[in-house]
Structures are given as C-alpha cells and as structure tokens.
Protein backbone atom coordinates (compact mmCIF):
# COMPACT_ATOMS: atom_id res chain seq x y z
CA MET A 1 -3.50 8.26 28.02
CA SER A 2 -2.70 5.23 25.87
CA PRO A 3 0.59 5.10 24.00
CA GLU A 4 0.79 5.96 20.34
CA LYS A 5 -0.05 3.36 17.75
CA PRO A 6 2.85 0.83 17.72
CA GLY A 7 5.17 0.31 14.79
CA TRP A 8 8.72 -0.56 13.85
CA LYS A 9 11.11 2.21 14.89
CA TRP A 10 13.95 3.28 12.62
CA GLY A 11 15.86 6.31 13.80
CA PRO A 12 13.34 9.12 14.61
CA PHE A 13 10.73 7.51 12.34
CA THR A 14 8.13 4.73 12.73
CA PHE A 15 7.15 2.25 9.99
CA ARG A 16 3.55 1.00 10.39
CA LEU A 17 2.73 -1.96 8.20
CA PRO A 18 -0.75 -1.66 6.72
CA PHE A 19 -3.31 -4.27 7.88
CA TYR A 20 -0.90 -5.26 10.69
CA HIS A 21 -0.28 -2.04 12.61
CA THR A 22 -3.22 -0.14 11.10
CA ARG A 23 -6.81 -1.03 10.31
CA LEU A 24 -8.71 -0.37 7.06
CA TYR A 25 -11.64 2.09 7.27
CA LEU A 26 -13.87 1.95 4.18
CA PRO A 27 -15.16 5.60 4.25
CA GLU A 28 -11.66 7.02 4.21
CA PHE A 29 -10.48 4.40 1.68
CA LEU A 30 -13.28 5.26 -0.78
CA GLN A 31 -12.70 9.02 -0.44
CA GLY A 32 -8.98 8.39 -1.07
CA VAL A 33 -9.74 6.42 -4.25
CA LEU A 34 -11.96 9.20 -5.66
CA ILE A 35 -10.31 12.38 -4.44
CA SER A 36 -6.72 11.18 -4.70
CA SER A 37 -7.39 10.02 -8.24
CA ALA A 38 -8.74 13.43 -9.22
CA THR A 39 -6.08 15.55 -7.55
CA GLY A 40 -3.08 13.23 -7.69
CA LEU A 41 -3.26 13.14 -11.47
CA ALA A 42 -3.98 16.88 -11.87
CA LEU A 43 -0.38 17.52 -13.00
CA VAL A 44 -0.67 15.12 -15.92
CA PRO A 45 -1.74 17.88 -18.42
CA ILE A 46 1.31 19.93 -17.44
CA MET A 47 3.64 16.93 -17.81
CA THR A 48 2.23 16.08 -21.19
CA GLY A 49 1.94 19.67 -22.41
CA TYR A 50 5.23 21.19 -21.23
CA PHE A 51 7.57 18.36 -20.23
CA GLY A 52 7.28 16.11 -23.32
CA LEU A 53 5.83 13.08 -21.57
CA SER A 54 3.19 10.78 -22.98
CA PHE A 55 0.05 10.14 -20.95
CA GLU A 56 1.40 6.79 -19.80
CA GLN A 57 4.75 8.36 -18.78
CA ALA A 58 2.94 11.11 -16.90
CA ILE A 59 1.00 8.43 -15.02
CA ALA A 60 4.32 6.77 -14.13
CA LEU A 61 5.71 10.05 -12.77
CA SER A 62 2.54 10.56 -10.72
CA LEU A 63 2.85 7.02 -9.39
CA MET A 64 6.34 7.77 -8.05
CA HIS A 65 5.06 10.99 -6.45
CA SER A 66 2.18 9.07 -4.86
CA ILE A 67 4.49 6.45 -3.38
CA LEU A 68 6.67 9.16 -1.83
CA ILE A 69 3.65 11.08 -0.47
CA THR A 70 2.23 7.87 1.04
CA SER A 71 5.59 7.06 2.64
CA ALA A 72 5.09 10.05 4.95
CA VAL A 73 2.33 8.08 6.70
CA ILE A 74 3.46 4.49 6.20
CA VAL A 75 7.28 4.67 6.34
CA PHE A 76 8.00 7.86 8.31
CA GLY A 77 5.04 7.64 10.74
CA GLU A 78 3.89 11.24 10.27
CA PRO A 79 0.54 12.09 11.92
CA TYR A 80 -0.60 14.38 9.05
CA ALA A 81 -2.38 13.80 5.77
CA PRO A 82 0.50 14.66 3.40
CA GLY A 83 0.15 16.42 0.08
CA TRP A 84 1.66 19.08 -2.17
CA VAL A 85 2.87 22.47 -1.04
CA THR A 86 0.02 23.60 -3.25
CA ALA A 87 0.28 27.34 -2.70
CA ALA A 88 3.79 27.30 -4.13
CA LEU A 89 2.76 25.39 -7.30
CA PRO A 90 1.65 28.44 -9.29
CA LEU A 91 4.94 30.25 -8.56
CA VAL A 92 6.91 27.17 -9.53
CA LEU A 93 5.02 26.81 -12.82
CA GLY A 94 5.63 30.49 -13.56
CA PHE A 95 9.35 30.08 -12.91
CA VAL A 96 9.92 26.77 -14.71
CA VAL A 97 7.24 26.44 -17.37
CA PHE A 98 6.54 30.04 -18.29
CA GLY A 99 10.00 31.31 -17.48
CA GLU A 100 13.33 31.00 -19.30
CA TYR A 101 13.46 27.21 -19.58
CA GLY A 102 12.23 26.34 -23.05
CA ASP A 103 12.75 22.59 -23.46
CA PRO A 104 11.65 19.58 -21.36
CA THR A 105 15.19 18.57 -20.39
CA ALA A 106 15.99 22.03 -18.96
CA ARG A 107 12.64 22.11 -17.17
CA PHE A 108 13.28 18.75 -15.51
CA GLN A 109 16.72 19.93 -14.51
CA ALA A 110 15.19 23.09 -13.00
CA MET A 111 12.74 20.94 -11.06
CA THR A 112 15.70 18.85 -9.75
CA ALA A 113 17.51 22.01 -8.64
CA LEU A 114 14.41 23.33 -6.81
CA SER A 115 13.81 19.95 -5.13
CA LEU A 116 17.40 19.56 -3.93
CA ASN A 117 17.56 23.20 -2.85
CA PHE A 118 14.39 22.77 -0.82
CA ALA A 119 15.53 19.42 0.61
CA ALA A 120 18.81 20.96 1.83
CA LEU A 121 17.05 24.02 3.26
CA VAL A 122 14.41 22.04 5.14
CA PHE A 123 17.04 19.64 6.50
CA LEU A 124 19.25 22.50 7.75
CA LEU A 125 16.40 24.47 9.31
CA GLY A 126 14.89 21.34 10.84
CA VAL A 127 18.00 19.85 12.53
CA THR A 128 19.18 23.21 13.83
CA GLY A 129 15.78 24.46 14.94
CA LEU A 130 16.31 27.66 12.95
CA GLY A 131 13.10 27.21 10.93
CA ARG A 132 10.85 28.44 13.68
CA LYS A 133 13.13 31.37 14.42
CA LEU A 134 13.19 32.35 10.72
CA ILE A 135 9.42 32.43 10.46
CA VAL A 136 9.06 34.47 13.64
CA TRP A 137 11.74 36.88 12.35
CA LEU A 138 10.11 37.45 8.95
CA PRO A 139 7.77 40.48 8.86
CA GLN A 140 4.09 39.87 8.69
CA THR A 141 3.70 42.10 5.61
CA LEU A 142 6.32 40.05 3.69
CA LYS A 143 4.69 36.75 4.65
CA ALA A 144 1.27 38.02 3.57
CA GLY A 145 2.74 39.25 0.29
CA ILE A 146 4.27 35.84 -0.42
CA ILE A 147 0.95 34.11 0.16
CA LEU A 148 -0.92 36.71 -1.98
CA GLY A 149 1.67 36.21 -4.73
CA ALA A 150 0.80 32.54 -4.79
CA ALA A 151 -2.90 33.44 -5.06
CA ILE A 152 -2.38 35.80 -8.01
CA ALA A 153 -0.12 33.29 -9.80
CA ALA A 154 -2.77 30.58 -9.34
CA PHE A 155 -5.47 32.74 -10.88
CA MET A 156 -3.14 33.63 -13.74
CA ARG A 157 -2.40 29.99 -14.54
CA VAL A 158 -6.11 29.32 -14.97
CA LEU A 159 -7.37 32.57 -16.52
CA LEU A 160 -4.47 34.06 -18.47
CA ASP A 161 -1.68 31.60 -19.26
CA ASP A 162 -3.69 28.78 -20.81
CA ALA A 163 -1.86 28.41 -24.15
CA ASP A 164 -2.67 24.67 -24.21
CA GLY A 165 -6.15 24.49 -22.78
CA LEU A 166 -7.61 24.75 -19.30
CA LEU A 167 -10.30 27.47 -19.28
CA LEU A 168 -10.15 28.18 -23.01
CA GLU A 169 -10.88 24.59 -24.02
CA GLN A 170 -13.41 23.69 -21.30
CA PRO A 171 -14.94 26.99 -20.13
CA VAL A 172 -18.37 25.67 -19.10
CA ALA A 173 -17.18 22.57 -17.20
CA ILE A 174 -14.39 24.45 -15.42
CA THR A 175 -16.64 27.40 -14.54
CA VAL A 176 -19.34 25.11 -13.14
CA GLY A 177 -16.80 23.02 -11.22
CA CYS A 178 -15.01 26.05 -9.77
CA ALA A 179 -18.30 27.74 -8.73
CA ILE A 180 -19.56 24.63 -6.91
CA CYS A 181 -16.23 24.06 -5.15
CA LEU A 182 -15.95 27.65 -4.01
CA VAL A 183 -19.52 27.62 -2.65
CA PHE A 184 -19.17 24.28 -0.89
CA MET A 185 -15.81 25.11 0.67
CA PHE A 186 -16.05 28.83 1.42
CA SER A 187 -19.67 30.08 1.28
CA LEU A 188 -20.67 31.69 4.61
CA PRO A 189 -24.42 30.90 4.14
CA LEU A 190 -23.56 27.28 3.46
CA GLN A 191 -21.32 27.18 6.50
CA ARG A 192 -24.35 28.08 8.61
CA LEU A 193 -26.35 25.37 6.86
CA LYS A 194 -23.63 22.83 7.65
CA GLN A 195 -23.98 23.58 11.36
CA ARG A 196 -27.74 22.81 11.26
CA ASN A 197 -27.88 20.02 8.65
CA ARG A 198 -25.85 16.86 8.68
CA PHE A 199 -26.34 16.32 4.94
CA PHE A 200 -24.71 19.62 4.03
CA MET A 201 -21.95 18.93 6.58
CA MET A 202 -21.14 15.60 4.91
CA LEU A 203 -21.37 17.17 1.45
CA GLY A 204 -19.02 19.94 2.39
CA ALA A 205 -16.52 17.44 3.82
CA LEU A 206 -15.97 15.96 0.33
CA GLY A 207 -13.77 18.91 -0.62
CA LEU A 208 -13.46 19.39 -4.43
CA LEU A 209 -15.24 16.14 -5.25
CA PRO A 210 -18.79 17.59 -5.73
CA GLY A 211 -17.49 20.27 -8.11
CA PHE A 212 -15.39 17.73 -9.95
CA LEU A 213 -18.29 15.35 -10.40
CA ALA A 214 -20.54 18.16 -11.57
CA ALA A 215 -17.96 19.19 -14.15
CA ALA A 216 -17.67 15.55 -15.27
CA VAL A 217 -21.45 15.54 -15.97
CA VAL A 218 -21.72 19.02 -17.49
CA GLY A 219 -18.62 18.62 -19.68
CA PRO A 220 -20.10 16.05 -22.09
CA LEU A 221 -23.42 17.93 -22.21
CA ALA A 222 -21.55 21.09 -23.27
CA GLY A 223 -19.50 19.18 -25.81
CA GLU A 224 -16.25 19.88 -23.90
CA VAL A 225 -15.55 16.39 -22.61
CA GLU A 226 -15.51 13.11 -24.56
CA TYR A 227 -14.91 9.86 -22.68
CA ASN A 228 -12.91 7.10 -24.30
CA ILE A 229 -12.67 4.43 -21.64
CA ARG A 230 -10.27 1.59 -22.25
CA TRP A 231 -10.37 -1.68 -20.34
CA GLY A 232 -7.48 -3.63 -18.92
CA PHE A 233 -4.47 -2.76 -16.86
CA LEU A 234 -1.61 -0.32 -17.34
CA LEU A 235 1.96 -1.04 -16.38
CA PRO A 236 3.33 2.53 -15.87
CA PRO A 237 6.62 2.90 -17.78
CA VAL A 238 8.77 3.96 -14.81
CA ASN A 239 12.00 3.12 -16.70
CA GLU A 240 11.09 5.58 -19.50
CA VAL A 241 10.47 8.35 -16.95
CA TRP A 242 13.87 7.65 -15.46
CA GLU A 243 15.51 8.08 -18.84
CA LEU A 244 13.62 11.31 -19.60
CA ALA A 245 13.68 13.03 -16.18
CA SER A 246 16.38 11.76 -13.88
CA PRO A 247 19.54 13.88 -13.54
CA PHE A 248 21.56 10.65 -13.56
CA VAL A 249 20.55 10.29 -17.23
CA ILE A 250 19.78 13.80 -18.59
CA GLY A 251 22.54 15.52 -16.68
CA TRP A 252 22.66 17.56 -13.46
CA PRO A 253 21.44 21.14 -13.28
CA GLU A 254 23.93 23.91 -13.91
CA PRO A 255 25.08 25.86 -10.83
CA ALA A 256 23.07 28.85 -12.10
CA MET A 257 19.87 26.83 -11.79
CA PHE A 258 20.56 26.12 -8.12
CA LEU A 259 21.26 29.81 -7.48
CA GLN A 260 18.19 30.99 -9.34
CA GLY A 261 16.02 28.54 -7.36
CA ILE A 262 17.10 29.64 -3.86
CA PRO A 263 14.48 32.45 -3.49
CA LEU A 264 11.71 30.06 -4.52
CA ALA A 265 12.93 27.52 -2.01
CA LEU A 266 12.76 30.13 0.74
CA ILE A 267 9.27 31.18 -0.34
CA THR A 268 8.11 27.56 -0.39
CA TYR A 269 9.48 27.04 3.11
CA VAL A 270 7.41 29.96 4.44
CA ILE A 271 4.32 28.28 2.99
CA LEU A 272 5.36 24.80 4.27
CA PHE A 273 5.87 26.09 7.80
CA GLY A 274 2.39 27.61 7.71
CA ASP A 275 1.00 24.22 6.68
CA LEU A 276 2.84 22.54 9.53
CA VAL A 277 1.49 24.99 12.12
CA THR A 278 -2.05 24.44 10.74
CA GLY A 279 -1.60 20.64 10.89
CA ASN A 280 -0.42 20.86 14.49
CA GLU A 281 -3.39 22.95 15.55
CA VAL A 282 -5.83 20.49 14.03
CA LEU A 283 -4.16 17.66 15.96
CA ARG A 284 -4.14 19.68 19.22
CA ASP A 285 -7.84 20.29 18.85
CA GLY A 286 -8.44 16.61 18.29
CA LEU A 287 -6.34 15.54 21.27
CA HIS A 288 -8.73 17.34 23.63
CA ALA A 289 -11.39 14.87 22.49
CA ARG A 290 -9.12 11.82 22.09
CA ARG A 291 -7.29 11.58 25.34
CA ASP A 292 -7.10 7.79 24.80
CA GLU A 293 -4.42 8.10 22.11
CA HIS A 294 -1.08 9.87 22.23
CA ILE A 295 0.00 11.53 18.98
CA ASP A 296 3.72 12.36 18.68
CA ILE A 297 3.89 15.89 17.21
CA ASN A 298 7.59 16.31 16.29
CA PRO A 299 8.49 19.17 13.84
CA ASN A 300 12.11 18.03 13.58
CA ARG A 301 10.99 14.58 12.39
CA SER A 302 8.60 16.27 9.96
CA HIS A 303 11.42 18.40 8.53
CA LEU A 304 13.57 15.33 8.05
CA SER A 305 10.69 13.44 6.36
CA VAL A 306 10.03 16.32 3.94
CA SER A 307 13.76 16.71 3.24
CA ILE A 308 14.30 13.01 2.42
CA ARG A 309 11.22 12.82 0.21
CA ASN A 310 12.14 15.94 -1.75
CA ALA A 311 15.70 14.72 -2.25
CA LEU A 312 14.44 11.34 -3.55
CA MET A 313 11.84 12.99 -5.74
CA GLY A 314 14.47 15.40 -7.17
CA VAL A 315 16.65 12.57 -8.49
CA PHE A 316 14.01 9.99 -9.45
CA ALA A 317 10.92 11.94 -10.51
CA PRO A 318 11.58 15.67 -10.38
CA PHE A 319 8.45 17.77 -10.16
CA PHE A 320 8.52 20.37 -7.40
CA PRO A 321 6.59 21.00 -5.03
CA THR A 322 4.63 17.77 -4.73
CA GLN A 323 6.24 16.60 -1.46
CA GLY A 324 4.76 18.76 1.32
CA VAL A 325 3.80 18.05 4.90
CA VAL A 326 -0.01 18.57 5.13
CA TRP A 327 -2.96 18.35 2.76
CA THR A 328 -5.07 20.55 5.01
CA GLY A 329 -8.54 19.71 3.70
CA VAL A 330 -7.99 15.93 3.96
CA HIS A 331 -6.21 16.31 7.29
CA VAL A 332 -9.24 18.11 8.73
CA ILE A 333 -11.68 15.55 7.31
CA ILE A 334 -9.82 12.57 8.84
CA ALA A 335 -9.25 14.37 12.16
CA GLN A 336 -12.97 15.16 12.45
CA ARG A 337 -13.94 11.52 12.33
CA TRP A 338 -11.03 10.55 14.61
CA LYS A 339 -12.40 13.05 17.19
CA GLN A 340 -15.66 11.11 17.33
CA GLY A 341 -13.91 8.45 19.40
CA PRO A 342 -12.52 4.88 19.17
CA GLN A 343 -15.85 3.53 18.00
CA ALA A 344 -15.51 5.69 14.83
CA MET A 345 -11.74 5.35 14.34
CA ASP A 346 -9.43 3.37 16.61
CA SER A 347 -6.37 5.42 15.70
CA LEU A 348 -5.55 8.52 13.67
CA HIS A 349 -2.81 6.50 11.90
CA SER A 350 -5.39 3.91 10.74
CA GLY A 351 -7.55 6.69 9.26
CA LEU A 352 -4.55 8.24 7.46
CA ALA A 353 -3.33 4.90 6.08
CA SER A 354 -6.88 4.10 4.87
CA TYR A 355 -7.18 7.39 3.02
CA TYR A 356 -3.83 6.82 1.38
CA LEU A 357 -5.02 3.38 0.18
CA MET A 358 -2.96 1.52 2.78
CA GLY A 359 0.12 2.45 0.78
CA ILE A 360 -0.95 0.40 -2.24
CA PRO A 361 -1.18 2.71 -5.31
CA PHE A 362 -3.41 0.34 -7.31
CA MET A 363 -5.36 3.16 -8.96
CA PHE A 364 -2.35 3.90 -11.23
CA PHE A 365 -2.67 0.41 -12.77
CA LEU A 366 -6.41 0.51 -13.52
CA LEU A 367 -6.77 1.59 -17.14
CA PRO A 368 -10.57 2.16 -17.03
CA LEU A 369 -10.15 4.58 -14.12
CA LEU A 370 -7.24 6.41 -15.70
CA THR A 371 -8.86 6.74 -19.09
CA ALA A 372 -12.13 7.91 -17.58
CA LEU A 373 -10.24 10.65 -15.76
CA GLU A 374 -8.00 11.58 -18.74
CA PRO A 375 -10.36 14.18 -20.30
CA LEU A 376 -11.08 15.61 -16.84
CA LEU A 377 -7.52 16.29 -15.74
CA ASN A 378 -7.44 19.89 -16.97
CA ILE A 379 -10.58 20.44 -14.89
CA ALA A 380 -8.92 18.86 -11.81
CA LEU A 381 -5.88 21.12 -12.23
CA SER A 382 -8.05 24.20 -12.68
CA LEU A 383 -10.06 23.38 -9.57
CA THR A 384 -6.90 22.84 -7.54
CA LEU A 385 -5.37 26.12 -8.64
CA MET A 386 -8.59 28.19 -8.20
CA LEU A 387 -9.27 26.88 -4.74
CA THR A 388 -5.62 27.42 -3.79
CA GLY A 389 -5.76 30.96 -5.08
CA PHE A 390 -8.98 31.82 -3.24
CA ALA A 391 -7.72 30.32 0.05
CA CYS A 392 -4.33 32.03 -0.21
CA ALA A 393 -6.00 35.35 -1.01
CA TYR A 394 -8.21 35.46 2.03
CA ILE A 395 -5.43 34.25 4.31
CA ALA A 396 -3.04 36.89 2.97
CA MET A 397 -5.53 39.72 3.31
CA SER A 398 -6.39 38.78 6.86
CA ILE A 399 -2.82 39.30 8.06
CA PRO A 400 -2.22 43.08 7.52
CA LYS A 401 -3.98 45.40 9.99
CA GLU A 402 -3.19 48.77 8.39
CA ASN A 403 -3.99 50.25 4.99
CA THR A 404 -0.34 50.87 4.14
CA SER A 405 0.49 47.27 4.97
CA ARG A 406 -2.43 46.08 2.81
CA GLY A 407 -1.19 48.08 -0.18
CA THR A 408 2.32 46.77 0.34
CA VAL A 409 1.02 43.20 0.44
CA VAL A 410 -0.64 43.66 -2.94
CA LEU A 411 2.56 45.19 -4.39
CA ILE A 412 4.62 42.23 -3.14
CA GLY A 413 2.08 39.72 -4.43
CA VAL A 414 1.95 41.27 -7.91
CA SER A 415 5.80 41.38 -8.05
CA LEU A 416 6.12 37.72 -7.15
CA ALA A 417 3.44 36.67 -9.64
CA PHE A 418 4.84 38.67 -12.56
CA PHE A 419 8.63 38.64 -12.05
CA GLU A 420 11.25 36.03 -11.31
CA PRO A 421 11.25 34.85 -7.67
CA TRP A 422 14.45 36.67 -6.68
CA ILE A 423 13.18 39.95 -8.15
CA GLY A 424 9.79 39.57 -6.43
CA LEU A 425 11.41 38.69 -3.12
CA LEU A 426 13.81 41.67 -3.39
CA VAL A 427 10.88 44.00 -4.13
CA GLY A 428 9.05 42.54 -1.13
CA ILE A 429 11.98 43.11 1.27
CA VAL A 430 12.58 46.68 0.06
CA ALA A 431 8.90 47.60 0.00
CA THR A 432 8.37 46.19 3.51
CA LEU A 433 11.36 48.11 4.91
CA LEU A 434 10.45 51.42 3.26
CA LEU A 435 6.66 51.41 3.58
CA VAL A 436 5.88 49.43 6.70
CA GLY A 437 9.04 48.56 8.61
CA TRP A 438 10.17 45.13 9.82
CA ASP A 439 6.82 44.24 11.40
CA THR A 440 7.60 40.90 13.00
CA SER A 441 4.98 39.25 15.13
CA PRO A 442 5.90 38.68 18.83
CA ALA A 443 3.34 35.90 19.10
CA PRO A 444 5.00 32.49 19.39
CA ILE A 445 4.37 29.92 16.68
CA PRO A 446 3.09 26.72 18.22
CA THR A 447 5.07 23.52 17.65
CA GLU A 448 4.85 20.36 19.67
CA GLU A 449 4.60 22.07 22.99
CA GLU A 450 1.17 22.61 24.56
C-alpha cells in the first residue's frame, strides 16, 4: 500500500497546500460551488432575522464559518468532508432563538458559551479516550431519544415556528423542494432505479441540489420568489461582525449561560460521535477498493480538530453548531468516486480539497451569485432542516427493538424538542431508567482499528 498523500506535518495534523499537495478535480469543484453555496448560506435568514445582522454581515459570518470548515481538510488534514453537526441545529435554535434570550447580543453570547462548552468537552473526551467509552455506556433508548428529539425540533422549525417566514412565506416552493429532495434521497422505489440506471444514480448523488433548483424555478412562477441580481463584487464586512458578535467586544457570557449550555453540548457530542463512526465506516469500505492509498483514520486527531475549530468560531464568529466532523452526504459522494480508482481520483484528499474549493472561498465575494441566492435562502434552510428531520427520525426509530423502548424514545424526543435541554435530558434519563432500564449496547463502536 502506498503512503498517505504527503503534506507538511505540524503536531498531529497535516497541512496540504492546494494545487501543490492536492490536485483539482472539476466535478467535485463544480458540485462544491453549487451545493456549498446553497447550504453554506442557509443560516443567513436566521442571522438577519434573529441576530440583528444585515445581509452583508451575515455573508461575512458565513465566510468565517466556511474558512474554519475548510481548514479541517486543508490545515488539519482530516480525511472527511466536514460540515455542521446538522442534527443538533434545531435543538440549538430552540434553545437560543426561541428560548429565553431575547436580544441579539445575548444570543451571540449564548452561541459563544455553547461553542466553548463543546470545544472543552470534545478536547477532554478526545485526549483522554473517554468519548468512546461514554457513547458505549449511554443506553440505546436515550441515544435514540436524543436523535428523535432533533428530528421533531427540525420539523417544528419549518412547520410551526416560522414567525418570520420559511413555509408561511414560500409554501409552494418549499413544499416542491422538500418533496423532490425526500424522494431523491430516501425513496425506496428510486433506490432500486438507481441500481439499474446510471442517470438516476448520478441525479441522486447531487443531494439537495435537484430539489433546490426545482424550488428556484417554481418560486417565481408561484409569485413567491423575486430575483434582484446585482453585479460586481462584495467585500464581506468581517470587522463589523467582530464588533457585533465577538465576546471580546460585546462581553463574555455569564456563568449561567455556560451552565445552561452543558446538556446541549453533551447532546451534540452524542450526535457528533455518530457522525464520526459513519465517516469511518465509509472510509473503511473505500479502503477495500483503494489499497493503493493509505488513509490515516485517527479519532483523537479529529477530536482535536473539532475542538480547535469550535473554540476559534466561538470567539470570532459564534454560531453553534457549524463546526462538525462529517457532512455525510458529501463524504459518501466523494468516497464513491475515489473508490473507482486512481484514474478517477488520485487521492481522497484531492477530492475533498476540490469539493471545498481548494480552500479559496471566492463565492462569498461574487455579488451576482450571492444576490441570486438571497431570495432562496429560506428554501435552503427549510430543505436542510426537513432532510435532517427525516433522516434523524428513521435512524432513531431503527434503534429500539421493543415497544416499551419505542414509546420511551418518543417521550424523550418530545421532551427535548419542547423543553429546555437540561429538562429534556433529565426526563430522558429518568424515563429510560424507569421504563426500559440502562440498555447499553455491548457491541463495540469502530474507530481506527480494523
């Protein structure tokens, strides 16, 4: 087996300079431009609606998030397609936006507290190796309830809590987009078509892009979307975001914020660990076909990378939980082409760097692209939340094997979606103990060992 793609070592990490250590692959690059633009900016409506930012300031905040996400591949040398801890996003929004924090300053401070809590937790569990033991120790029913809680919260954010838009303002476009995305990503009849037809296989590999493009076409026809494309370039006002969001300027969170955020940090870690296990399994499957390239799967390095990125995000551009370890859909898409052999992709790291635009976030400076996407960002957020909710729901309901456990999972999920995180987590622990018992799974969780 050949050694891993070379780079410049620094501590446990590897910096790979784009175009020098990694090659550019146009298919991945173009998908990254389109899909990253749609999903990377999906938080802009929340930033403008609930955090007091202008459109340009929200773009600047997203730019900083993108740089940190891209650093996982370029600077830290991670072999995963990084993204948000998406399943935790609905719970975070419920806690920060729809909870007790009523003004933008307090909400940014709460985001800082969550980010630093999570960074400290991931660092501790990573360097001590306790993370794996914690996940094995947690009961299956509680884990399933946490995941189902994320699903219910995601559906609520789209269907019930839309005081400033989303489904109420663009019902036709969002409904069409969500329907197409759900069919292309989860339909069993279509899965069978994908196995027999290369066209449907390629179409399904585009993730939420077909649904997003359909909504972009249907929206103007239904009178729900109006494009106002402006030409030129945008210089994102990063300095203004610093003054409005950084704890060095607006003040550090109160100790109570850190305490209130601990349960949500624990919940997010459970989801993060699941993402990491999924990412590892995708790589293991690919390594059976690509024996010519060694991929260093190192959970401790991944924990450190996530910890550093969340700490930096928490003090420069606080918006939790945008710094996760794996964007599963993209990770699978890149790994599938990598598995086809060196003639398709010389190295997994080249494919990852190409998808993440070789670390150059030029799309945040292109005003025509940004303004074309501006009226579609509520749609992008709705698609992200709906797909997250559907995926979390079927994963959660596949875990319990008994009826009592299934009922308990629903009880935990509803509690987490409707109450504060610490109340929901407390209900989950008590309900699990009284109704099911501490049903831990003896099966080992795979890490870097074969």
